[in-house]
C-alpha atoms as a PDB file:
ATOM      1  CA  MET A   1       0.010   0.019  -0.025  1.00  0.00           C
ATOM      2  CA  ARG A   2       1.239   3.452  -0.849  1.00  0.00           C
ATOM      3  CA  ALA A   3      -0.105   6.690   0.510  1.00  0.00           C
ATOM      4  CA  VAL A   4       0.650  10.339  -0.249  1.00  0.00           C
ATOM      5  CA  VAL A   5      -0.332  12.358   2.779  1.00  0.00           C
ATOM      6  CA  GLN A   6      -0.654  16.134   2.480  1.00  0.00           C
ATOM      7  CA  ARG A   7      -1.691  18.584   5.151  1.00  0.00           C
ATOM      8  CA  VAL A   8      -4.302  20.939   3.642  1.00  0.00           C
ATOM      9  CA  THR A   9      -6.237  24.017   4.574  1.00  0.00           C
ATOM     10  CA  SER A  10      -9.101  22.528   2.478  1.00  0.00           C
ATOM     11  CA  ALA A  11      -9.454  19.836  -0.147  1.00  0.00           C
ATOM     12  CA  SER A  12     -12.168  18.584  -2.431  1.00  0.00           C
ATOM     13  CA  VAL A  13     -12.656  16.062  -5.165  1.00  0.00           C
ATOM     14  CA  GLU A  14     -14.575  17.226  -8.240  1.00  0.00           C
ATOM     15  CA  VAL A  15     -16.043  14.877 -10.850  1.00  0.00           C
ATOM     16  CA  ASP A  16     -17.616  16.150 -14.065  1.00  0.00           C
ATOM     17  CA  GLY A  17     -17.790  19.636 -12.609  1.00  0.00           C
ATOM     18  CA  SER A  18     -19.569  18.608  -9.307  1.00  0.00           C
ATOM     19  CA  ILE A  19     -17.854  18.411  -5.882  1.00  0.00           C
ATOM     20  CA  VAL A  20     -18.382  14.825  -4.635  1.00  0.00           C
ATOM     21  CA  SER A  21     -16.398  15.139  -1.328  1.00  0.00           C
ATOM     22  CA  GLU A  22     -14.695  17.864   0.566  1.00  0.00           C
ATOM     23  CA  ILE A  23     -13.010  18.804   3.851  1.00  0.00           C
ATOM     24  CA  GLY A  24     -11.815  21.904   5.625  1.00  0.00           C
ATOM     25  CA  PRO A  25      -8.456  21.816   7.385  1.00  0.00           C
ATOM     26  CA  GLY A  26      -6.911  18.355   7.594  1.00  0.00           C
ATOM     27  CA  LEU A  27      -5.231  15.660   5.580  1.00  0.00           C
ATOM     28  CA  LEU A  28      -5.716  14.727   1.919  1.00  0.00           C
ATOM     29  CA  VAL A  29      -4.540  11.033   1.535  1.00  0.00           C
ATOM     30  CA  LEU A  30      -4.095   9.495  -1.865  1.00  0.00           C
ATOM     31  CA  VAL A  31      -4.228   5.724  -1.402  1.00  0.00           C
ATOM     32  CA  GLY A  32      -2.719   3.305  -3.901  1.00  0.00           C
ATOM     33  CA  LEU A  33      -3.466  -0.394  -3.342  1.00  0.00           C
ATOM     34  CA  HIS A  34      -0.992  -3.176  -4.389  1.00  0.00           C
ATOM     35  CA  GLU A  35      -2.316  -6.438  -5.667  1.00  0.00           C
ATOM     36  CA  SER A  36      -0.774  -8.158  -2.573  1.00  0.00           C
ATOM     37  CA  ASP A  37      -2.106  -5.791   0.114  1.00  0.00           C
ATOM     38  CA  SER A  38      -3.978  -7.280   2.997  1.00  0.00           C
ATOM     39  CA  GLU A  39      -6.053  -6.153   5.974  1.00  0.00           C
ATOM     40  CA  SER A  40      -2.817  -5.902   8.155  1.00  0.00           C
ATOM     41  CA  ASP A  41      -1.625  -3.253   5.605  1.00  0.00           C
ATOM     42  CA  ALA A  42      -4.844  -1.317   6.082  1.00  0.00           C
ATOM     43  CA  ASP A  43      -4.522  -1.487   9.938  1.00  0.00           C
ATOM     44  CA  TYR A  44      -0.937  -0.176   9.609  1.00  0.00           C
ATOM     45  CA  MET A  45      -2.247   2.943   7.754  1.00  0.00           C
ATOM     46  CA  LEU A  46      -4.122   4.000  10.838  1.00  0.00           C
ATOM     47  CA  PHE A  47      -0.928   5.095  12.580  1.00  0.00           C
ATOM     48  CA  PRO A  48      -2.241   4.205  16.069  1.00  0.00           C
ATOM     49  CA  ASN A  49      -1.357   6.626  18.864  1.00  0.00           C
ATOM     50  CA  GLU A  50       0.293   4.681  21.713  1.00  0.00           C
ATOM     51  CA  ILE A  51      -1.278   6.797  24.425  1.00  0.00           C
ATOM     52  CA  THR A  52      -4.947   6.731  23.256  1.00  0.00           C
ATOM     53  CA  GLY A  53      -4.788   3.654  21.067  1.00  0.00           C
ATOM     54  CA  LYS A  54      -6.773   5.512  18.383  1.00  0.00           C
ATOM     55  CA  GLY A  55      -5.483   6.290  14.856  1.00  0.00           C
ATOM     56  CA  TRP A  56      -3.886   9.491  13.827  1.00  0.00           C
ATOM     57  CA  ASP A  57      -1.940  12.126  15.616  1.00  0.00           C
ATOM     58  CA  LEU A  58      -3.271  13.821  18.678  1.00  0.00           C
ATOM     59  CA  ASN A  59      -3.251  17.214  16.828  1.00  0.00           C
ATOM     60  CA  VAL A  60      -5.598  15.936  14.087  1.00  0.00           C
ATOM     61  CA  MET A  61      -7.997  14.489  16.741  1.00  0.00           C
ATOM     62  CA  GLN A  62      -7.739  17.541  19.057  1.00  0.00           C
ATOM     63  CA  LYS A  63      -8.393  19.991  16.256  1.00  0.00           C
ATOM     64  CA  ASN A  64     -11.150  17.762  14.711  1.00  0.00           C
ATOM     65  CA  TYR A  65      -9.453  17.961  11.329  1.00  0.00           C
ATOM     66  CA  GLY A  66     -10.944  16.215   8.331  1.00  0.00           C
ATOM     67  CA  VAL A  67      -9.430  13.409   6.347  1.00  0.00           C
ATOM     68  CA  LEU A  68     -10.174  13.025   2.691  1.00  0.00           C
ATOM     69  CA  LEU A  69      -9.170   9.523   1.345  1.00  0.00           C
ATOM     70  CA  VAL A  70      -8.854   9.198  -2.429  1.00  0.00           C
ATOM     71  CA  SER A  71      -8.319   5.835  -4.268  1.00  0.00           C
ATOM     72  CA  GLN A  72      -5.421   6.337  -6.564  1.00  0.00           C
ATOM     73  CA  PHE A  73      -4.214   3.293  -8.512  1.00  0.00           C
ATOM     74  CA  THR A  74      -1.762   5.386 -10.433  1.00  0.00           C
ATOM     75  CA  LEU A  75       0.501   5.315  -7.395  1.00  0.00           C
ATOM     76  CA  TYR A  76       1.492   1.866  -8.542  1.00  0.00           C
ATOM     77  CA  GLY A  77       2.172   2.895 -12.167  1.00  0.00           C
ATOM     78  CA  ILE A  78       5.503   1.990 -13.761  1.00  0.00           C
ATOM     79  CA  LEU A  79       6.814   2.833 -17.184  1.00  0.00           C
ATOM     80  CA  LYS A  80       7.188   0.209 -19.855  1.00  0.00           C
ATOM     81  CA  GLY A  81       8.969   2.023 -22.610  1.00  0.00           C
ATOM     82  CA  ASN A  82       6.927   5.235 -22.742  1.00  0.00           C
ATOM     83  CA  LYS A  83       3.627   3.860 -21.691  1.00  0.00           C
ATOM     84  CA  PRO A  84       2.348   3.526 -18.089  1.00  0.00           C
ATOM     85  CA  ASP A  85       1.644   0.062 -16.770  1.00  0.00           C
ATOM     86  CA  PHE A  86      -0.548  -0.544 -13.763  1.00  0.00           C
ATOM     87  CA  HIS A  87      -0.415  -4.277 -13.604  1.00  0.00           C
ATOM     88  CA  VAL A  88       0.833  -4.379  -9.894  1.00  0.00           C
ATOM     89  CA  ALA A  89      -2.081  -2.189  -8.692  1.00  0.00           C
ATOM     90  CA  MET A  90      -4.864  -4.170  -7.093  1.00  0.00           C
ATOM     91  CA  PRO A  91      -7.520  -5.247  -9.683  1.00  0.00           C
ATOM     92  CA  PRO A  92     -10.662  -3.130  -9.540  1.00  0.00           C
ATOM     93  CA  GLN A  93     -13.038  -5.850  -8.414  1.00  0.00           C
ATOM     94  CA  LYS A  94     -10.833  -6.463  -5.415  1.00  0.00           C
ATOM     95  CA  ALA A  95      -9.657  -2.706  -4.867  1.00  0.00           C
ATOM     96  CA  ARG A  96     -13.253  -1.355  -4.431  1.00  0.00           C
ATOM     97  CA  PRO A  97     -14.304  -3.461  -1.310  1.00  0.00           C
ATOM     98  CA  PHE A  98     -10.743  -3.105   0.049  1.00  0.00           C
ATOM     99  CA  TYR A  99     -10.744   0.610  -0.235  1.00  0.00           C
ATOM    100  CA  GLU A 100     -14.216   0.877   1.223  1.00  0.00           C
ATOM    101  CA  SER A 101     -13.093  -1.238   4.255  1.00  0.00           C
ATOM    102  CA  LEU A 102     -10.108   1.075   4.640  1.00  0.00           C
ATOM    103  CA  VAL A 103     -12.411   4.070   4.770  1.00  0.00           C
ATOM    104  CA  ASP A 104     -14.540   2.255   7.465  1.00  0.00           C
ATOM    105  CA  LYS A 105     -11.450   1.498   9.441  1.00  0.00           C
ATOM    106  CA  PHE A 106     -10.560   5.162   9.437  1.00  0.00           C
ATOM    107  CA  ARG A 107     -14.150   6.135  10.425  1.00  0.00           C
ATOM    108  CA  LYS A 108     -14.108   3.646  13.351  1.00  0.00           C
ATOM    109  CA  SER A 109     -10.673   4.759  14.690  1.00  0.00           C
ATOM    110  CA  TYR A 110     -11.592   8.522  14.507  1.00  0.00           C
ATOM    111  CA  ASN A 111     -14.548  10.777  14.146  1.00  0.00           C
ATOM    112  CA  PRO A 112     -16.736   9.196  11.501  1.00  0.00           C
ATOM    113  CA  ASP A 113     -18.058  12.578  10.264  1.00  0.00           C
ATOM    114  CA  ALA A 114     -14.505  13.863   9.715  1.00  0.00           C
ATOM    115  CA  ILE A 115     -13.562  11.056   7.361  1.00  0.00           C
ATOM    116  CA  LYS A 116     -14.456  11.510   3.741  1.00  0.00           C
ATOM    117  CA  GLY A 117     -13.902   8.813   1.058  1.00  0.00           C
ATOM    118  CA  LYS A 118     -15.541   8.054  -2.220  1.00  0.00           C
ATOM    119  CA  LYS A 119     -15.397   5.228  -4.727  1.00  0.00           C
ATOM    120  CA  CYS A 120     -13.024   6.181  -7.570  1.00  0.00           C
ATOM    121  CA  VAL A 121     -12.103   2.831  -9.209  1.00  0.00           C
ATOM    122  CA  SER A 122     -14.117   1.080 -11.778  1.00  0.00           C
ATOM    123  CA  HIS A 123     -12.910  -1.627 -14.164  1.00  0.00           C
ATOM    124  CA  GLY A 124      -9.247  -0.512 -14.168  1.00  0.00           C
ATOM    125  CA  LEU A 125     -10.277   3.084 -15.058  1.00  0.00           C
ATOM    126  CA  LEU A 126     -11.360   6.112 -13.066  1.00  0.00           C
ATOM    127  CA  ILE A 127     -15.191   6.480 -12.989  1.00  0.00           C
ATOM    128  CA  ALA A 128     -14.639   9.940 -14.430  1.00  0.00           C
ATOM    129  CA  LEU A 129     -11.858  12.367 -14.658  1.00  0.00           C
ATOM    130  CA  PHE A 130     -11.569  14.074 -11.322  1.00  0.00           C
ATOM    131  CA  ASN A 131      -9.771  17.097  -9.830  1.00  0.00           C
ATOM    132  CA  CYS A 132      -8.394  17.227  -6.278  1.00  0.00           C
ATOM    133  CA  THR A 133      -7.997  20.749  -5.036  1.00  0.00           C
END
């Protein structure tokens, strides 16, 4: 599993000109799933706090920051010649339920209303072109 974590003052995902998910201050997390990822990899992503046992840093929890999770299979892209190849990314039929369970894990370990995540993978392609801002 690969994740690109960015602290943001606000973030949103726009599909076909409509905002489908957004947060105020918090973390934007682009999540790439490898074909060999397992539930233990998802558990590791929660970064449990040793004091509280809950996921995420105390500052995120104390400030009630939002977390926007975005499925991003392109994090496992490699170049074959001059063309991208995504064969090591988790196949869409497996990635969708895995990503949804990851979002659920985040919601259970933190404030469920602060976690935003949408389905973005369909048959190896994005459902639609999307912008993260």
